[in-house]
């Protein structure tokens, strides 16, 4: 029982360190791979705008978790295919501030 509780606690703490990101690729989609390697098997494809949890970075590869078709899945995606939500929100705030000041 202690082992189960420890695993659950580690999993919950692992999730709290995740960041949210959006898939953003010039092709309109990005591949999810089994491991952090360009030669790794492509296990899924996500379209632009799909939300993912950004867990760990391994070089230029990101370990992500995501939901698709009501299933929780995970894999690796190349770093430049993602935009952190916090960065996207900063861009939106900057644009809204500029448009408000232009209207004044």
Protein backbone atom coordinates (compact mmCIF):
# COMPACT_ATOMS: atom_id res chain seq x y z
CA UNK A 1 0.00 0.00 0.00
CA UNK A 2 2.85 2.39 0.80
CA UNK A 3 4.36 1.73 -2.62
CA UNK A 4 1.08 2.52 -4.38
CA UNK A 5 0.68 5.73 -2.38
CA UNK A 6 4.27 6.72 -3.20
CA UNK A 7 3.70 6.16 -6.93
CA UNK A 8 0.49 8.18 -6.86
CA UNK A 9 2.24 11.02 -4.99
CA UNK A 10 5.13 11.03 -7.47
CA UNK A 11 2.70 11.05 -10.41
CA UNK A 12 0.73 13.98 -8.99
CA UNK A 13 3.89 15.98 -8.28
CA UNK A 14 5.11 15.16 -11.79
CA UNK A 15 1.94 16.64 -13.25
CA UNK A 16 2.28 19.85 -11.25
CA UNK A 17 5.56 20.66 -12.98
CA UNK A 18 4.09 20.36 -16.45
CA UNK A 19 3.52 23.39 -18.61
CA UNK A 20 0.82 23.79 -21.20
CA UNK A 21 1.69 24.24 -24.85
CA UNK A 22 -0.05 24.39 -28.23
CA UNK A 23 1.06 22.54 -31.36
CA UNK A 24 2.11 25.14 -33.91
CA UNK A 25 3.78 23.89 -37.08
CA UNK A 26 4.05 25.47 -40.54
CA UNK A 27 2.71 22.23 -42.05
CA UNK A 28 -0.47 22.41 -39.97
CA UNK A 29 0.34 19.26 -37.98
CA UNK A 30 3.20 17.62 -36.12
CA UNK A 31 4.25 14.02 -35.50
CA UNK A 32 4.37 12.42 -32.07
CA UNK A 33 7.18 9.87 -31.76
CA UNK A 34 7.88 6.91 -29.46
CA UNK A 35 11.22 8.33 -28.32
CA UNK A 36 13.30 11.49 -28.55
CA UNK A 37 14.83 10.69 -31.94
CA UNK A 38 14.04 11.69 -35.52
CA UNK A 39 14.34 8.02 -36.54
CA UNK A 40 11.83 6.90 -33.88
CA UNK A 41 8.47 5.46 -34.89
CA UNK A 42 5.74 8.06 -35.56
CA UNK A 43 2.90 6.97 -33.30
CA UNK A 44 0.48 9.85 -33.78
CA UNK A 45 -0.13 13.17 -35.51
CA UNK A 46 -1.52 16.31 -33.86
CA UNK A 47 -3.03 19.24 -35.73
CA UNK A 48 -2.14 22.86 -35.01
CA UNK A 49 -3.95 24.19 -31.97
CA UNK A 50 -3.92 20.89 -30.07
CA UNK A 51 -3.14 21.41 -26.38
CA UNK A 52 -0.42 19.29 -24.78
CA UNK A 53 1.29 19.04 -21.40
CA UNK A 54 5.00 19.81 -21.67
CA UNK A 55 6.75 17.52 -19.15
CA UNK A 56 10.48 17.13 -19.75
CA UNK A 57 13.02 18.32 -22.27
CA UNK A 58 15.55 15.90 -23.76
CA UNK A 59 17.78 17.99 -25.99
CA UNK A 60 15.46 19.47 -28.62
CA UNK A 61 12.71 16.93 -27.92
CA UNK A 62 9.82 17.43 -25.51
CA UNK A 63 8.10 14.65 -23.59
CA UNK A 64 4.41 15.54 -23.91
CA UNK A 65 1.12 14.20 -22.66
CA UNK A 66 -2.15 14.89 -24.47
CA UNK A 67 -5.72 13.74 -24.86
CA UNK A 68 -7.07 12.50 -28.17
CA UNK A 69 -10.34 10.66 -28.77
CA UNK A 70 -10.94 10.64 -24.99
CA UNK A 71 -7.65 8.76 -24.39
CA UNK A 72 -4.66 10.03 -22.43
CA UNK A 73 -1.54 9.55 -24.56
CA UNK A 74 2.11 10.56 -24.51
CA UNK A 75 5.13 10.78 -26.77
CA UNK A 76 7.85 13.10 -28.01
CA UNK A 77 7.59 16.14 -30.24
CA UNK A 78 10.34 18.39 -31.59
CA UNK A 79 10.71 21.56 -29.52
CA UNK A 80 10.10 24.14 -32.26
CA UNK A 81 6.69 22.57 -33.03
CA UNK A 82 5.27 23.84 -29.72
CA UNK A 83 4.41 27.24 -28.32
CA UNK A 84 4.13 27.58 -24.57
CA UNK A 85 0.75 28.92 -23.47
CA UNK A 86 2.42 31.51 -21.24
CA UNK A 87 4.25 32.93 -24.28
CA UNK A 88 1.06 32.98 -26.35
CA UNK A 89 -0.80 34.83 -23.60
CA UNK A 90 1.95 37.45 -23.39
CA UNK A 91 1.61 38.05 -27.15
CA UNK A 92 -2.17 38.41 -26.85
CA UNK A 93 -1.82 40.83 -23.92
CA UNK A 94 0.70 42.93 -25.84
CA UNK A 95 -1.58 43.14 -28.88
CA UNK A 96 -4.64 44.05 -26.81
CA UNK A 97 -2.71 46.75 -24.96
CA UNK A 98 -1.52 48.27 -28.24
CA UNK A 99 -5.00 48.29 -29.75
CA UNK A 100 -6.46 49.90 -26.60
CA UNK A 101 -3.83 52.62 -26.61
CA UNK A 102 -4.40 53.23 -30.35
CA UNK A 103 -8.13 53.78 -29.73
CA UNK A 104 -7.54 56.34 -26.97
